[in-house]
Protein backbone atom coordinates (compact mmCIF):
# COMPACT_ATOMS: atom_id res chain seq x y z
CA MET A 1 13.74 -17.29 -1.99
CA ALA A 2 12.46 -14.35 0.07
CA ASP A 3 9.74 -13.86 -2.39
CA ASP A 4 8.56 -17.18 -1.77
CA ALA A 5 8.05 -16.57 1.82
CA HIS A 6 6.27 -13.52 1.24
CA GLN A 7 3.87 -15.21 -1.04
CA LYS A 8 3.16 -17.63 1.83
CA ALA A 9 2.81 -15.26 4.33
CA GLU A 10 0.21 -13.36 1.92
CA ASP A 11 -1.66 -16.49 1.39
CA HIS A 12 -2.05 -16.92 5.04
CA TYR A 13 -2.73 -13.68 5.43
CA TYR A 14 -5.88 -13.77 2.86
CA ALA A 15 -6.62 -16.77 4.23
CA ALA A 16 -6.96 -15.11 7.67
CA LEU A 17 -9.03 -12.35 6.50
CA ASP A 18 -11.42 -14.65 4.98
CA LEU A 19 -11.82 -16.41 8.15
CA VAL A 20 -12.42 -13.22 10.27
CA ALA A 21 -15.25 -12.41 7.63
CA GLU A 22 -16.71 -15.70 8.38
CA GLY A 23 -16.70 -15.01 12.30
CA GLU A 24 -14.06 -17.92 13.28
CA GLN A 25 -11.49 -15.75 15.17
CA GLU A 26 -9.57 -18.38 16.35
CA ARG A 27 -8.82 -20.05 13.18
CA ALA A 28 -7.86 -16.79 11.73
CA LEU A 29 -5.29 -15.99 14.45
CA ALA A 30 -3.58 -19.79 13.15
CA GLU A 31 -3.28 -17.97 9.84
CA TYR A 32 -2.22 -14.57 10.99
CA GLU A 33 0.15 -16.96 13.30
CA GLN A 34 1.55 -18.78 9.46
CA SER A 35 1.70 -16.07 7.83
CA LEU A 36 4.15 -14.44 10.66
CA ALA A 37 6.15 -17.30 11.03
CA ALA A 38 6.44 -16.90 6.93
CA ASP A 39 7.45 -13.03 7.00
CA PRO A 40 7.86 -11.94 10.77
CA VAL A 41 8.16 -8.66 9.83
CA PHE A 42 4.71 -8.43 7.93
CA THR A 43 3.20 -5.75 9.34
CA GLU A 44 -0.01 -6.17 7.62
CA ALA A 45 -0.56 -9.56 9.33
CA MET A 46 0.12 -8.19 12.39
CA HIS A 47 -2.39 -5.38 11.97
CA GLY A 48 -5.01 -8.05 11.44
CA MET A 49 -3.65 -10.45 14.59
CA ALA A 50 -4.26 -7.30 16.67
CA ARG A 51 -7.18 -6.54 15.43
CA THR A 52 -8.22 -9.89 16.12
CA LEU A 53 -7.06 -10.32 19.64
CA GLN A 54 -8.68 -7.25 20.53
CA ASP A 55 -12.12 -8.55 19.04
CA LEU A 56 -11.73 -11.64 21.17
CA ASN A 57 -10.99 -9.74 24.39
CA ARG A 58 -6.90 -11.02 24.76
CA LEU A 59 -5.94 -7.26 25.33
CA ASP A 60 -2.77 -7.94 26.56
CA GLU A 61 -1.73 -10.32 23.77
CA ALA A 62 -3.30 -7.54 21.31
CA ILE A 63 -0.89 -4.91 22.95
CA VAL A 64 2.23 -7.16 22.59
CA VAL A 65 1.43 -7.18 19.14
CA ALA A 66 0.39 -3.33 18.38
CA LYS A 67 4.31 -2.56 20.49
CA ARG A 68 5.73 -4.90 17.70
CA ILE A 69 4.37 -3.02 15.15
CA ALA A 70 5.35 0.20 16.51
CA GLU A 71 8.99 -1.25 16.90
CA LEU A 72 8.89 -1.88 12.97
CA ASP A 73 6.78 1.08 11.89
CA PRO A 74 7.50 4.03 14.39
CA ARG A 75 5.66 6.71 11.99
CA GLY A 76 2.50 4.74 12.17
CA GLY A 77 1.55 4.27 8.53
CA ARG A 78 1.10 0.80 6.53
CA ARG A 79 3.43 0.47 3.44
CA GLU A 80 1.96 0.24 0.14
CA ARG A 81 3.72 -0.74 -2.74
CA GLY A 82 5.70 1.70 -4.15
CA ALA A 83 6.18 3.95 -1.37
CA ASP A 84 9.23 4.14 0.52
CA ALA A 85 9.68 2.83 3.89
CA GLY A 86 8.31 6.01 5.70
CA GLY A 87 4.87 6.05 3.03
CA GLU A 88 6.11 9.26 1.94
CA ALA A 89 6.50 9.20 -2.37
CA ALA A 90 2.97 9.78 -3.00
CA VAL A 91 2.55 12.33 -0.81
CA ALA A 92 5.55 14.08 -1.76
CA ARG A 93 4.53 14.15 -5.53
CA GLU A 94 0.78 15.39 -4.24
CA PRO A 95 1.84 19.12 -4.17
CA GLN A 96 4.17 19.11 -7.90
CA GLN A 97 0.89 17.40 -9.47
CA ARG A 98 -1.02 19.88 -7.87
CA ALA A 99 1.15 22.86 -9.17
CA ALA A 100 1.26 21.26 -12.40
CA ARG A 101 -2.18 21.55 -12.73
CA PRO A 102 -3.50 24.53 -14.95
CA PRO A 103 -6.20 26.86 -13.25
CA GLN A 104 -9.66 26.13 -13.58
CA GLN A 105 -11.17 28.85 -15.19
CA ARG A 106 -14.40 30.45 -13.59
CA GLN A 107 -17.86 30.05 -15.86
CA PRO A 108 -19.85 33.08 -15.75
CA GLY A 109 -22.34 32.81 -13.54
């Protein structure tokens, strides 16, 4: 059931992105609100909503949304699929991957 709610939230989120691209910020806000009604911790929708509110010069409302994002994600990074809660999975692997690569050979110059 939670997956259905998140899918509904994503559907509204992508509709909001399309509306923003079309210059329909007020309608986009309604889609962001519906997205967050379906999944209240969907930070990507919150980021979009805060940006849209900022674009509409509704700064007090944007600040409220930004504070909520900070509460949910104090490290400030957007979560990506496959990453842990701090988004560190890929970062932690990078030095290991770099160390595993063979050294590059210099070409005679």
